[in-house]
Amino acid sequence: MEFDRRFLLLCAGEVLVVAAGSVVAAFIIQVVVLALYLEDRRGYPVYAVAAALFAAAVVAGGVASLLVLAAALVCGYLALSLYDYRLSLRARGEA
């Protein structure tokens, strides 16, 4: 069984993130590991900036910023679920 080099890099990066113990160090390591993992880096600068802003928000706001992020993710999931439900109703001709 042959392992993919990119998968091993991703696993090693996740181990480093967990071992870092610091939220800021974990975000920096994740950005670096993702750069090594990706072959096509066209959208990478946007991801790096977003990760830096999120790390700054977590450091500044602590747990409250994580709760706000979780609430935003739940709202986004609900919105996508309702949109998918409406599309399936429309496809069946019930809407």
N, C-alpha and C. Protein backbone atom coordinates (compact mmCIF):
# COMPACT_ATOMS: atom_id res chain seq x y z
N MET A 1 0.85 -1.18 0.00
CA MET A 1 0.00 0.00 0.00
C MET A 1 0.89 1.24 0.00
N GLU A 2 0.66 2.10 -0.97
CA GLU A 2 1.48 3.29 -1.12
C GLU A 2 0.75 4.52 -0.59
N PHE A 3 1.46 5.32 0.20
CA PHE A 3 0.85 6.53 0.76
C PHE A 3 1.12 7.72 -0.14
N ASP A 4 0.15 8.60 -0.21
CA ASP A 4 0.30 9.84 -0.96
C ASP A 4 1.09 10.83 -0.10
N ARG A 5 2.08 11.47 -0.69
CA ARG A 5 2.93 12.41 0.05
C ARG A 5 2.11 13.58 0.61
N ARG A 6 1.15 14.04 -0.16
CA ARG A 6 0.33 15.17 0.30
C ARG A 6 -0.50 14.79 1.53
N PHE A 7 -1.02 13.57 1.55
CA PHE A 7 -1.79 13.13 2.70
C PHE A 7 -0.91 13.05 3.94
N LEU A 8 0.30 12.56 3.80
CA LEU A 8 1.21 12.49 4.93
C LEU A 8 1.58 13.89 5.43
N LEU A 9 1.77 14.84 4.51
CA LEU A 9 2.04 16.22 4.91
C LEU A 9 0.86 16.81 5.68
N LEU A 10 -0.34 16.53 5.21
CA LEU A 10 -1.53 17.04 5.88
C LEU A 10 -1.65 16.44 7.28
N CYS A 11 -1.40 15.15 7.41
CA CYS A 11 -1.46 14.51 8.73
C CYS A 11 -0.41 15.08 9.67
N ALA A 12 0.80 15.26 9.16
CA ALA A 12 1.86 15.83 9.99
C ALA A 12 1.51 17.25 10.42
N GLY A 13 0.93 18.01 9.50
CA GLY A 13 0.52 19.38 9.85
C GLY A 13 -0.56 19.41 10.91
N GLU A 14 -1.50 18.49 10.84
CA GLU A 14 -2.56 18.45 11.85
C GLU A 14 -1.99 18.06 13.22
N VAL A 15 -1.01 17.18 13.23
CA VAL A 15 -0.35 16.81 14.49
C VAL A 15 0.35 18.03 15.07
N LEU A 16 1.02 18.81 14.22
CA LEU A 16 1.69 20.03 14.69
C LEU A 16 0.69 21.04 15.22
N VAL A 17 -0.46 21.17 14.55
CA VAL A 17 -1.48 22.12 14.99
C VAL A 17 -1.99 21.75 16.37
N VAL A 18 -2.24 20.46 16.59
CA VAL A 18 -2.73 20.02 17.89
C VAL A 18 -1.65 20.19 18.96
N ALA A 19 -0.40 19.92 18.58
CA ALA A 19 0.69 20.01 19.55
C ALA A 19 1.09 21.46 19.85
N ALA A 20 0.70 22.39 19.00
CA ALA A 20 1.13 23.78 19.18
C ALA A 20 0.64 24.36 20.50
N GLY A 21 -0.59 24.07 20.85
CA GLY A 21 -1.12 24.57 22.12
C GLY A 21 -1.55 26.03 22.08
N SER A 22 -1.14 26.77 21.09
CA SER A 22 -1.50 28.17 20.95
C SER A 22 -2.40 28.32 19.73
N VAL A 23 -3.45 29.10 19.88
CA VAL A 23 -4.39 29.29 18.77
C VAL A 23 -3.71 29.99 17.60
N VAL A 24 -2.93 31.00 17.88
CA VAL A 24 -2.26 31.75 16.82
C VAL A 24 -1.26 30.86 16.09
N ALA A 25 -0.48 30.10 16.84
CA ALA A 25 0.48 29.18 16.21
C ALA A 25 -0.24 28.13 15.39
N ALA A 26 -1.37 27.66 15.87
CA ALA A 26 -2.14 26.65 15.14
C ALA A 26 -2.62 27.21 13.80
N PHE A 27 -3.10 28.44 13.78
CA PHE A 27 -3.55 29.04 12.53
C PHE A 27 -2.40 29.24 11.56
N ILE A 28 -1.25 29.67 12.06
CA ILE A 28 -0.09 29.87 11.19
C ILE A 28 0.35 28.54 10.59
N ILE A 29 0.39 27.50 11.41
CA ILE A 29 0.80 26.18 10.92
C ILE A 29 -0.20 25.66 9.89
N GLN A 30 -1.49 25.88 10.12
CA GLN A 30 -2.48 25.41 9.15
C GLN A 30 -2.32 26.10 7.80
N VAL A 31 -2.04 27.39 7.81
CA VAL A 31 -1.86 28.12 6.55
C VAL A 31 -0.64 27.59 5.81
N VAL A 32 0.45 27.34 6.53
CA VAL A 32 1.67 26.84 5.90
C VAL A 32 1.45 25.43 5.35
N VAL A 33 0.81 24.57 6.13
CA VAL A 33 0.58 23.19 5.69
C VAL A 33 -0.34 23.17 4.48
N LEU A 34 -1.35 24.01 4.47
CA LEU A 34 -2.24 24.05 3.31
C LEU A 34 -1.49 24.49 2.06
N ALA A 35 -0.55 25.41 2.21
CA ALA A 35 0.25 25.85 1.05
C ALA A 35 1.06 24.69 0.50
N LEU A 36 1.56 23.83 1.37
CA LEU A 36 2.31 22.67 0.91
C LEU A 36 1.40 21.62 0.27
N TYR A 37 0.17 21.56 0.73
CA TYR A 37 -0.77 20.53 0.29
C TYR A 37 -1.38 20.84 -1.07
N LEU A 38 -1.61 22.11 -1.36
CA LEU A 38 -2.30 22.49 -2.59
C LEU A 38 -1.36 22.49 -3.79
N GLU A 39 -1.88 22.06 -4.91
CA GLU A 39 -1.13 22.17 -6.16
C GLU A 39 -1.51 23.46 -6.88
N ASP A 40 -2.78 23.82 -6.84
CA ASP A 40 -3.28 25.02 -7.50
C ASP A 40 -3.53 26.06 -6.41
N ARG A 41 -2.72 27.11 -6.38
CA ARG A 41 -2.79 28.09 -5.29
C ARG A 41 -3.42 29.41 -5.72
N ARG A 42 -4.34 29.38 -6.66
CA ARG A 42 -4.94 30.63 -7.15
C ARG A 42 -5.72 31.36 -6.06
N GLY A 43 -6.48 30.66 -5.23
CA GLY A 43 -7.26 31.31 -4.19
C GLY A 43 -6.58 31.32 -2.84
N TYR A 44 -5.32 30.91 -2.80
CA TYR A 44 -4.61 30.78 -1.53
C TYR A 44 -4.42 32.11 -0.79
N PRO A 45 -4.07 33.21 -1.46
CA PRO A 45 -3.91 34.47 -0.72
C PRO A 45 -5.19 34.90 0.01
N VAL A 46 -6.32 34.65 -0.60
CA VAL A 46 -7.59 35.00 0.05
C VAL A 46 -7.77 34.15 1.31
N TYR A 47 -7.45 32.85 1.21
CA TYR A 47 -7.55 31.97 2.38
C TYR A 47 -6.58 32.41 3.48
N ALA A 48 -5.36 32.78 3.10
CA ALA A 48 -4.37 33.19 4.09
C ALA A 48 -4.83 34.46 4.83
N VAL A 49 -5.38 35.41 4.10
CA VAL A 49 -5.88 36.64 4.74
C VAL A 49 -7.07 36.33 5.65
N ALA A 50 -7.98 35.49 5.18
CA ALA A 50 -9.15 35.12 6.00
C ALA A 50 -8.72 34.38 7.26
N ALA A 51 -7.75 33.49 7.15
CA ALA A 51 -7.26 32.76 8.32
C ALA A 51 -6.59 33.71 9.30
N ALA A 52 -5.83 34.70 8.80
CA ALA A 52 -5.19 35.68 9.68
C ALA A 52 -6.23 36.53 10.39
N LEU A 53 -7.26 36.96 9.68
CA LEU A 53 -8.32 37.76 10.31
C LEU A 53 -9.08 36.95 11.36
N PHE A 54 -9.34 35.67 11.04
CA PHE A 54 -10.04 34.82 12.00
C PHE A 54 -9.18 34.58 13.24
N ALA A 55 -7.88 34.37 13.05
CA ALA A 55 -6.99 34.19 14.20
C ALA A 55 -6.97 35.45 15.07
N ALA A 56 -6.95 36.62 14.43
CA ALA A 56 -6.97 37.87 15.19
C ALA A 56 -8.28 38.02 15.95
N ALA A 57 -9.40 37.63 15.33
CA ALA A 57 -10.69 37.72 16.01
C ALA A 57 -10.77 36.76 17.19
N VAL A 58 -10.22 35.57 17.03
CA VAL A 58 -10.23 34.60 18.13
C VAL A 58 -9.37 35.09 19.29
N VAL A 59 -8.20 35.64 18.98
CA VAL A 59 -7.33 36.14 20.04
C VAL A 59 -7.97 37.33 20.74
N ALA A 60 -8.61 38.23 19.97
CA ALA A 60 -9.22 39.42 20.55
C ALA A 60 -10.50 39.10 21.32
N GLY A 61 -11.32 38.21 20.76
CA GLY A 61 -12.62 37.96 21.36
C GLY A 61 -12.73 36.70 22.18
N GLY A 62 -11.79 35.80 22.03
CA GLY A 62 -11.82 34.55 22.79
C GLY A 62 -12.98 33.66 22.39
N VAL A 63 -13.63 33.09 23.38
CA VAL A 63 -14.70 32.12 23.16
C VAL A 63 -15.91 32.77 22.50
N ALA A 64 -16.15 34.04 22.78
CA ALA A 64 -17.32 34.73 22.21
C ALA A 64 -17.26 34.73 20.68
N SER A 65 -16.07 34.95 20.12
CA SER A 65 -15.96 34.96 18.65
C SER A 65 -16.21 33.57 18.08
N LEU A 66 -15.82 32.52 18.80
CA LEU A 66 -16.10 31.17 18.34
C LEU A 66 -17.59 30.86 18.38
N LEU A 67 -18.28 31.38 19.39
CA LEU A 67 -19.72 31.18 19.47
C LEU A 67 -20.44 31.92 18.35
N VAL A 68 -19.98 33.11 18.01
CA VAL A 68 -20.56 33.86 16.91
C VAL A 68 -20.32 33.12 15.59
N LEU A 69 -19.13 32.57 15.42
CA LEU A 69 -18.84 31.80 14.22
C LEU A 69 -19.73 30.56 14.14
N ALA A 70 -19.92 29.87 15.25
CA ALA A 70 -20.78 28.69 15.26
C ALA A 70 -22.22 29.06 14.91
N ALA A 71 -22.70 30.18 15.44
CA ALA A 71 -24.06 30.62 15.13
C ALA A 71 -24.19 30.97 13.64
N ALA A 72 -23.17 31.61 13.08
CA ALA A 72 -23.20 31.94 11.65
C ALA A 72 -23.20 30.67 10.80
N LEU A 73 -22.42 29.68 11.20
CA LEU A 73 -22.39 28.42 10.45
C LEU A 73 -23.73 27.70 10.51
N VAL A 74 -24.37 27.71 11.68
CA VAL A 74 -25.69 27.07 11.81
C VAL A 74 -26.72 27.78 10.94
N CYS A 75 -26.69 29.11 10.95
CA CYS A 75 -27.63 29.87 10.11
C CYS A 75 -27.38 29.59 8.63
N GLY A 76 -26.13 29.51 8.23
CA GLY A 76 -25.81 29.20 6.84
C GLY A 76 -26.27 27.81 6.46
N TYR A 77 -26.09 26.86 7.35
CA TYR A 77 -26.54 25.49 7.07
C TYR A 77 -28.05 25.44 6.93
N LEU A 78 -28.76 26.13 7.81
CA LEU A 78 -30.22 26.16 7.72
C LEU A 78 -30.68 26.82 6.43
N ALA A 79 -30.03 27.90 6.05
CA ALA A 79 -30.42 28.58 4.81
C ALA A 79 -30.20 27.68 3.60
N LEU A 80 -29.08 26.98 3.56
CA LEU A 80 -28.82 26.07 2.44
C LEU A 80 -29.78 24.88 2.44
N SER A 81 -30.13 24.39 3.63
CA SER A 81 -31.07 23.27 3.71
C SER A 81 -32.45 23.68 3.22
N LEU A 82 -32.91 24.86 3.62
CA LEU A 82 -34.21 25.34 3.17
C LEU A 82 -34.21 25.60 1.66
N TYR A 83 -33.11 26.12 1.14
CA TYR A 83 -33.01 26.36 -0.30
C TYR A 83 -33.06 25.04 -1.05
N ASP A 84 -32.37 24.04 -0.55
CA ASP A 84 -32.39 22.72 -1.19
C ASP A 84 -33.79 22.11 -1.13
N TYR A 85 -34.47 22.30 -0.02
CA TYR A 85 -35.84 21.79 0.12
C TYR A 85 -36.77 22.47 -0.89
N ARG A 86 -36.63 23.78 -1.04
CA ARG A 86 -37.47 24.49 -2.01
C ARG A 86 -37.17 24.06 -3.44
N LEU A 87 -35.89 23.81 -3.75
CA LEU A 87 -35.55 23.33 -5.09
C LEU A 87 -36.15 21.96 -5.36
N SER A 88 -36.13 21.10 -4.35
CA SER A 88 -36.70 19.75 -4.55
C SER A 88 -38.21 19.83 -4.70
N LEU A 89 -38.87 20.73 -3.97
CA LEU A 89 -40.32 20.91 -4.14
C LEU A 89 -40.64 21.45 -5.53
N ARG A 90 -39.86 22.40 -5.99
CA ARG A 90 -40.08 22.98 -7.30
C ARG A 90 -39.85 21.94 -8.40
N ALA A 91 -38.86 21.07 -8.21
CA ALA A 91 -38.57 20.04 -9.22
C ALA A 91 -39.71 19.01 -9.29
N ARG A 92 -40.36 18.75 -8.15
CA ARG A 92 -41.47 17.82 -8.16
C ARG A 92 -42.78 18.47 -8.62
N GLY A 93 -42.78 19.80 -8.73
CA GLY A 93 -43.97 20.52 -9.18
C GLY A 93 -44.93 20.85 -8.07
N GLU A 94 -44.50 20.80 -6.82
CA GLU A 94 -45.38 21.08 -5.68
C GLU A 94 -45.31 22.53 -5.24
N ALA A 95 -44.36 23.28 -5.73
CA ALA A 95 -44.20 24.66 -5.27
C ALA A 95 -45.00 25.62 -6.11
